[in-house]
Amino acid sequence: MDIENGKPVPVGEASGATRSRRHALALMLGSGCCLPGALAAADTSAPVRLAISESVVGDVNVNDARAAMLVWIKRLTDDLNVVIDPRLFSTTQEIVERTRRGQLDAVAVNVIEYRQIADLLDPNQIVASRGAAGPQQYLILAKQSSGIGQLGDLKGRRLCMLKTPMMCVAPAWLYTLLEEGHYPPAEQFFAAVVTDAKFSRVVLPVFFGQADACLTTKRGFDTMCELNPQVARDLKVIASSPLLVVNFYIFRKNYQSPNREKLIKAIMNLPGTVAGRQLMTLFQFDDLGVRDASCLASSLSILDAADRARGKRGAGSGKQ
């Protein structure tokens, strides 16, 4: 297996690349100007104002993403007679503000953003990952021969951490694990925490003894093991999270347009076209189904527990 040149990127690096990607994605979707004139002329009711948070977008080839989006939107117009007005915002705050002003009909967000505007969203119908292969699960891995058997053994060690849209709840989960073990926060507990968006640059440093442990997704680890069974033999799980739904589509409350069901149908049919599959990769969605807000319980529980732990720690540090 090719380990790829380079090492995991320390936290905070590559911000220039992130800004460039954000700018390119904003140009692709931000103004709606990429829509062909035929879409604007379609015989439909008002377009569905769909906001796609940057938080759910992975590293992508912008040209491929733009082409896939245009093909998908055109198909919606031709097949379902519905126009989608896609908007990509660079900040969570814009999503929150526009939702509160009633300027959005549907949003693709992560669960952290959902918590901020849950009162404005319809909890009865969420298009999210389903089935055993759908939700995410986080793993902390170490090498079999390392002598590391539990979280406490990682004190003063080096941790590699995956940084992708699906990892949005991972920092909170790690915080709660450390709090439950009566350990300090990650920045004090570990000798170093480095992040990278590539599974290979997170898992393989542990495999080769360049890092002591990694925090990644089970799905990504399973893929690595399929490519190289020795990775499965040499690495072991130190801790695992519950199954988590972290990214999803959801409608604003009281949005009753006929286009609502059309959009759900279109999203559910994404795997049926090349452009749809490309969009699923772009927005990090997989095995989608219609669910209700109960599917978010595990993720919300972790986020709430982390908030409570931070509050207690903050209150404790303020005592004289």
Protein backbone atom coordinates (compact mmCIF):
# COMPACT_ATOMS: atom_id res chain seq x y z
CA MET A 1 0.00 0.00 0.00
CA ASP A 2 1.25 3.50 -0.81
CA ILE A 3 1.63 5.53 2.38
CA GLU A 4 1.84 8.74 0.31
CA ASN A 5 4.57 11.28 0.86
CA GLY A 6 4.27 13.67 3.73
CA LYS A 7 3.06 13.55 7.31
CA PRO A 8 -0.18 14.50 9.03
CA VAL A 9 -0.75 18.23 9.06
CA PRO A 10 -0.54 19.95 12.47
CA VAL A 11 -3.73 21.60 13.68
CA GLY A 12 -4.17 25.02 12.07
CA GLU A 13 -2.07 24.42 8.96
CA ALA A 14 -3.35 24.47 5.40
CA SER A 15 -5.74 27.34 6.15
CA GLY A 16 -4.85 28.95 2.84
CA ALA A 17 -5.99 25.86 0.96
CA THR A 18 -9.22 25.84 2.96
CA ARG A 19 -9.91 29.47 2.08
CA SER A 20 -9.24 28.80 -1.60
CA ARG A 21 -11.61 25.82 -1.58
CA ARG A 22 -14.27 27.84 0.22
CA HIS A 23 -13.98 30.62 -2.36
CA ALA A 24 -14.21 28.19 -5.26
CA LEU A 25 -17.23 26.42 -3.78
CA ALA A 26 -18.93 29.73 -3.08
CA LEU A 27 -18.46 30.72 -6.71
CA MET A 28 -19.86 27.37 -7.77
CA LEU A 29 -23.06 27.53 -5.71
CA GLY A 30 -23.25 30.78 -3.83
CA SER A 31 -25.15 33.04 -6.18
CA GLY A 32 -27.22 30.62 -8.24
CA CYS A 33 -25.77 32.20 -11.39
CA CYS A 34 -24.55 28.82 -12.56
CA LEU A 35 -28.11 27.71 -13.26
CA PRO A 36 -28.84 27.43 -16.98
CA GLY A 37 -31.45 29.80 -18.32
CA ALA A 38 -33.72 26.86 -19.03
CA LEU A 39 -34.07 26.22 -15.31
CA ALA A 40 -35.22 29.72 -14.57
CA ALA A 41 -37.84 29.37 -17.28
CA ALA A 42 -39.19 26.05 -16.00
CA ASP A 43 -42.92 25.88 -15.40
CA THR A 44 -42.85 25.30 -11.64
CA SER A 45 -43.79 26.92 -8.37
CA ALA A 46 -41.18 28.93 -6.49
CA PRO A 47 -37.72 27.31 -6.47
CA VAL A 48 -36.70 25.31 -3.43
CA ARG A 49 -34.17 27.42 -1.56
CA LEU A 50 -31.69 24.75 -0.51
CA ALA A 51 -28.74 25.84 1.63
CA ILE A 52 -25.74 23.54 1.72
CA SER A 53 -23.46 24.25 4.64
CA GLU A 54 -19.76 24.21 3.97
CA SER A 55 -19.48 22.04 7.07
CA VAL A 56 -20.80 19.03 5.13
CA VAL A 57 -18.53 19.49 2.09
CA GLY A 58 -15.34 17.48 1.81
CA ASP A 59 -12.25 18.15 -0.27
CA VAL A 60 -13.42 18.06 -3.88
CA ASN A 61 -12.46 18.87 -7.44
CA VAL A 62 -14.49 22.03 -7.94
CA ASN A 63 -14.93 21.61 -11.70
CA ASP A 64 -16.25 18.08 -11.26
CA ALA A 65 -18.55 19.25 -8.46
CA ARG A 66 -19.93 22.11 -10.53
CA ALA A 67 -20.59 19.82 -13.49
CA ALA A 68 -22.31 17.23 -11.29
CA MET A 69 -24.49 19.89 -9.66
CA LEU A 70 -25.60 21.31 -13.01
CA VAL A 71 -26.43 17.86 -14.38
CA TRP A 72 -28.40 16.95 -11.24
CA ILE A 73 -30.35 20.24 -11.22
CA LYS A 74 -31.19 19.92 -14.92
CA ARG A 75 -32.45 16.39 -14.35
CA LEU A 76 -34.70 17.61 -11.54
CA THR A 77 -36.15 20.20 -13.86
CA ASP A 78 -36.68 17.76 -16.73
CA ASP A 79 -37.92 14.78 -14.70
CA LEU A 80 -39.69 16.34 -11.72
CA ASN A 81 -40.43 19.87 -12.93
CA VAL A 82 -38.85 21.40 -9.84
CA VAL A 83 -36.18 24.08 -9.66
CA ILE A 84 -33.56 23.98 -6.92
CA ASP A 85 -31.91 27.24 -5.93
CA PRO A 86 -28.71 25.97 -4.27
CA ARG A 87 -26.78 28.17 -1.86
CA LEU A 88 -23.48 27.37 -0.23
CA PHE A 89 -22.53 29.53 2.73
CA SER A 90 -19.07 29.82 4.17
CA THR A 91 -20.20 30.22 7.77
CA THR A 92 -22.68 28.58 10.09
CA GLN A 93 -23.87 32.03 11.12
CA GLU A 94 -25.21 32.76 7.63
CA ILE A 95 -27.18 29.51 7.71
CA VAL A 96 -28.58 30.44 11.12
CA GLU A 97 -29.47 34.02 10.15
CA ARG A 98 -31.14 33.12 6.85
CA THR A 99 -33.12 30.31 8.48
CA ARG A 100 -34.34 32.66 11.20
CA ARG A 101 -35.37 35.19 8.54
CA GLY A 102 -37.34 32.52 6.69
CA GLN A 103 -35.14 32.80 3.60
CA LEU A 104 -34.44 29.06 3.31
CA ASP A 105 -36.71 26.09 2.63
CA ALA A 106 -34.30 23.22 3.25
CA VAL A 107 -30.78 22.88 4.56
CA ALA A 108 -27.99 20.34 4.45
CA VAL A 109 -26.21 20.79 7.77
CA ASN A 110 -24.32 18.95 10.46
CA VAL A 111 -25.77 18.16 13.86
CA ILE A 112 -23.84 20.98 15.55
CA GLU A 113 -25.50 23.54 13.31
CA TYR A 114 -28.85 21.80 13.75
CA ARG A 115 -28.73 22.46 17.48
CA GLN A 116 -28.60 26.20 16.83
CA ILE A 117 -31.74 26.33 14.70
CA ALA A 118 -33.63 23.19 15.75
CA ASP A 119 -36.61 25.28 16.84
CA LEU A 120 -37.05 26.46 13.24
CA LEU A 121 -36.74 23.05 11.58
CA ASP A 122 -39.20 20.20 11.07
CA PRO A 123 -38.06 17.24 13.21
CA ASN A 124 -40.53 14.84 11.62
CA GLN A 125 -38.78 14.42 8.30
CA ILE A 126 -35.00 14.21 8.01
CA VAL A 127 -33.15 12.74 5.05
CA ALA A 128 -30.17 11.07 6.69
CA SER A 129 -27.96 8.00 6.73
CA ARG A 130 -29.77 4.79 7.54
CA GLY A 131 -28.96 1.13 8.16
CA ALA A 132 -25.82 -0.33 9.71
CA ALA A 133 -23.65 1.05 6.90
CA GLY A 134 -25.12 4.53 7.12
CA PRO A 135 -24.37 6.20 10.47
CA GLN A 136 -20.81 6.95 11.47
CA GLN A 137 -18.80 5.41 14.29
CA TYR A 138 -15.53 6.78 15.66
CA LEU A 139 -12.59 4.60 16.68
CA ILE A 140 -9.39 5.23 18.60
CA LEU A 141 -6.77 2.78 17.33
CA ALA A 142 -3.34 1.76 18.57
CA LYS A 143 -0.80 -0.83 17.51
CA GLN A 144 -1.19 -4.33 18.94
CA SER A 145 2.45 -4.42 20.05
CA SER A 146 2.47 -0.92 21.56
CA GLY A 147 1.47 -1.93 25.09
CA ILE A 148 -1.39 0.58 24.88
CA GLY A 149 -4.57 -1.03 26.14
CA GLN A 150 -6.77 1.82 27.33
CA LEU A 151 -7.20 5.54 26.99
CA GLY A 152 -5.06 6.35 30.02
CA ASP A 153 -2.06 4.71 28.35
CA LEU A 154 -2.09 7.49 25.74
CA LYS A 155 -1.11 10.21 28.20
CA GLY A 156 1.86 12.09 26.79
CA ARG A 157 1.57 10.24 23.46
CA ARG A 158 1.07 11.44 19.88
CA LEU A 159 -2.45 11.25 18.37
CA CYS A 160 -3.38 11.50 14.68
CA MET A 161 -6.95 12.65 14.07
CA LEU A 162 -9.01 12.50 10.88
CA LYS A 163 -10.48 15.85 9.88
CA THR A 164 -13.46 15.46 7.53
CA PRO A 165 -17.12 16.58 7.65
CA MET A 166 -18.12 13.25 9.20
CA MET A 167 -15.78 13.89 12.16
CA CYS A 168 -17.67 16.94 13.41
CA VAL A 169 -18.77 15.23 16.66
CA ALA A 170 -15.39 13.55 17.27
CA PRO A 171 -13.84 16.40 19.32
CA ALA A 172 -16.83 16.37 21.66
CA TRP A 173 -16.71 12.59 21.95
CA LEU A 174 -12.99 12.67 22.77
CA TYR A 175 -13.60 15.41 25.33
CA THR A 176 -16.24 13.32 27.10
CA LEU A 177 -13.97 10.25 27.12
CA LEU A 178 -11.18 12.21 28.74
CA GLU A 179 -13.57 13.82 31.22
CA GLU A 180 -15.02 10.44 32.21
CA GLY A 181 -11.50 9.16 32.84
CA HIS A 182 -10.71 12.27 34.93
CA TYR A 183 -8.03 13.29 32.44
CA PRO A 184 -7.27 16.82 31.24
CA PRO A 185 -8.41 18.08 27.80
CA ALA A 186 -6.72 16.70 24.69
CA GLU A 187 -4.29 19.59 24.28
CA GLN A 188 -2.92 18.85 27.76
CA PHE A 189 -3.33 15.08 27.79
CA PHE A 190 -1.55 14.25 24.53
CA ALA A 191 2.00 15.26 23.68
CA ALA A 192 0.72 16.29 20.24
CA VAL A 193 -2.49 16.12 18.21
CA VAL A 194 -2.14 16.35 14.44
CA THR A 195 -4.93 16.26 11.88
CA ASP A 196 -5.26 15.23 8.25
CA ALA A 197 -8.12 14.77 5.77
CA LYS A 198 -6.74 11.51 4.33
CA PHE A 199 -7.39 8.19 6.03
CA SER A 200 -3.98 6.85 5.02
CA ARG A 201 -2.15 9.76 6.66
CA VAL A 202 -4.05 9.15 9.89
CA VAL A 203 -4.02 5.35 10.15
CA LEU A 204 -0.69 4.40 8.58
CA PRO A 205 1.52 6.49 10.91
CA VAL A 206 0.20 4.28 13.73
CA PHE A 207 0.76 1.16 11.65
CA PHE A 208 4.40 2.19 11.01
CA GLY A 209 5.05 3.36 14.57
CA GLN A 210 5.27 7.05 13.69
CA ALA A 211 2.31 7.90 15.95
CA ASP A 212 0.93 6.20 19.04
CA ALA A 213 -2.79 6.26 18.21
CA CYS A 214 -5.32 7.65 15.79
CA LEU A 215 -8.94 8.79 15.91
CA THR A 216 -10.81 7.96 12.71
CA THR A 217 -14.09 6.54 11.41
CA LYS A 218 -14.86 2.84 11.44
CA ARG A 219 -15.88 3.02 7.80
CA GLY A 220 -12.53 4.49 6.82
CA PHE A 221 -10.65 1.96 8.92
CA ASP A 222 -12.60 -0.91 7.37
CA THR A 223 -11.67 0.36 3.92
CA MET A 224 -8.01 0.52 4.92
CA CYS A 225 -8.21 -3.04 6.20
CA GLU A 226 -9.73 -4.25 2.94
CA LEU A 227 -6.84 -2.71 1.02
CA ASN A 228 -4.25 -4.09 3.42
CA PRO A 229 -5.33 -6.92 5.77
CA GLN A 230 -2.12 -6.48 7.76
CA VAL A 231 -3.49 -3.16 9.04
CA ALA A 232 -6.40 -5.08 10.56
CA ARG A 233 -4.04 -7.58 12.18
CA ASP A 234 -1.62 -5.01 13.59
CA LEU A 235 -4.03 -2.38 14.94
CA LYS A 236 -6.57 -2.69 17.75
CA VAL A 237 -9.51 -0.63 18.97
CA ILE A 238 -8.95 1.29 22.21
CA ALA A 239 -12.34 3.03 22.24
CA SER A 240 -15.41 3.22 20.00
CA SER A 241 -18.31 5.65 19.85
CA PRO A 242 -22.02 4.88 19.46
CA LEU A 243 -23.45 4.95 15.92
CA LEU A 244 -23.91 8.60 14.99
CA VAL A 245 -25.93 10.52 12.40
CA VAL A 246 -23.98 13.73 11.89
CA ASN A 247 -24.96 15.23 8.48
CA PHE A 248 -28.42 15.37 6.93
CA TYR A 249 -31.03 17.28 4.94
CA ILE A 250 -33.92 18.87 6.81
CA PHE A 251 -36.79 21.27 5.99
CA ARG A 252 -37.89 24.39 7.79
CA LYS A 253 -41.08 24.18 9.79
CA ASN A 254 -44.32 24.76 7.92
CA TYR A 255 -42.73 24.34 4.48
CA GLN A 256 -45.59 22.66 2.63
CA SER A 257 -44.79 23.22 -1.05
CA PRO A 258 -45.39 20.29 -3.46
CA ASN A 259 -41.69 20.61 -4.19
CA ARG A 260 -40.91 19.25 -0.74
CA GLU A 261 -41.74 15.67 -1.68
CA LYS A 262 -40.12 16.16 -5.08
CA LEU A 263 -36.86 17.18 -3.43
CA ILE A 264 -37.00 14.19 -1.08
CA LYS A 265 -37.53 11.93 -4.07
CA ALA A 266 -34.62 13.54 -5.88
CA ILE A 267 -32.29 13.14 -2.91
CA MET A 268 -33.32 9.54 -2.41
CA ASN A 269 -32.63 8.86 -6.08
CA LEU A 270 -29.11 10.33 -6.00
CA PRO A 271 -27.45 6.88 -6.28
CA GLY A 272 -29.30 6.30 -9.55
CA THR A 273 -27.21 8.69 -11.65
CA VAL A 274 -23.51 9.38 -12.12
CA ALA A 275 -24.00 13.03 -11.18
CA GLY A 276 -26.00 12.01 -8.11
CA ARG A 277 -23.28 9.65 -6.93
CA GLN A 278 -20.71 12.40 -7.40
CA LEU A 279 -22.83 14.73 -5.28
CA MET A 280 -23.15 12.10 -2.56
CA THR A 281 -19.36 11.94 -2.46
CA LEU A 282 -19.10 15.72 -2.52
CA PHE A 283 -21.49 16.21 0.38
CA GLN A 284 -20.36 13.11 2.28
CA PHE A 285 -23.80 11.44 2.30
CA ASP A 286 -24.38 7.72 1.97
CA ASP A 287 -27.28 5.22 2.13
CA LEU A 288 -29.96 7.89 2.64
CA GLY A 289 -33.44 7.38 4.02
CA VAL A 290 -36.25 9.45 5.54
CA ARG A 291 -36.13 9.45 9.33
CA ASP A 292 -37.17 11.68 12.21
CA ALA A 293 -35.12 13.61 14.74
CA SER A 294 -34.80 10.57 17.04
CA CYS A 295 -31.96 9.41 14.79
CA LEU A 296 -29.90 12.32 16.15
CA ALA A 297 -30.20 11.25 19.79
CA SER A 298 -26.70 9.74 20.12
CA SER A 299 -24.97 12.70 18.50
CA LEU A 300 -26.94 15.25 20.51
CA SER A 301 -26.27 13.33 23.73
CA ILE A 302 -22.50 13.50 23.14
CA LEU A 303 -22.61 17.21 22.32
CA ASP A 304 -24.72 17.93 25.42
CA ALA A 305 -22.39 15.87 27.63
CA ALA A 306 -19.36 17.73 26.31
CA ASP A 307 -21.04 21.08 26.98
CA ARG A 308 -21.86 20.06 30.53
CA ALA A 309 -18.30 18.84 31.12
CA ARG A 310 -16.82 22.07 29.78
CA GLY A 311 -19.19 24.04 31.97
CA LYS A 312 -18.15 22.15 35.09
CA ARG A 313 -14.49 22.47 34.21
CA GLY A 314 -14.91 26.20 33.62
CA ALA A 315 -16.78 26.65 36.90
CA GLY A 316 -14.12 24.67 38.73
CA SER A 317 -11.29 26.76 37.33
CA GLY A 318 -13.06 29.91 38.48
CA LYS A 319 -13.21 28.89 42.14
CA GLN A 320 -10.86 30.59 44.56
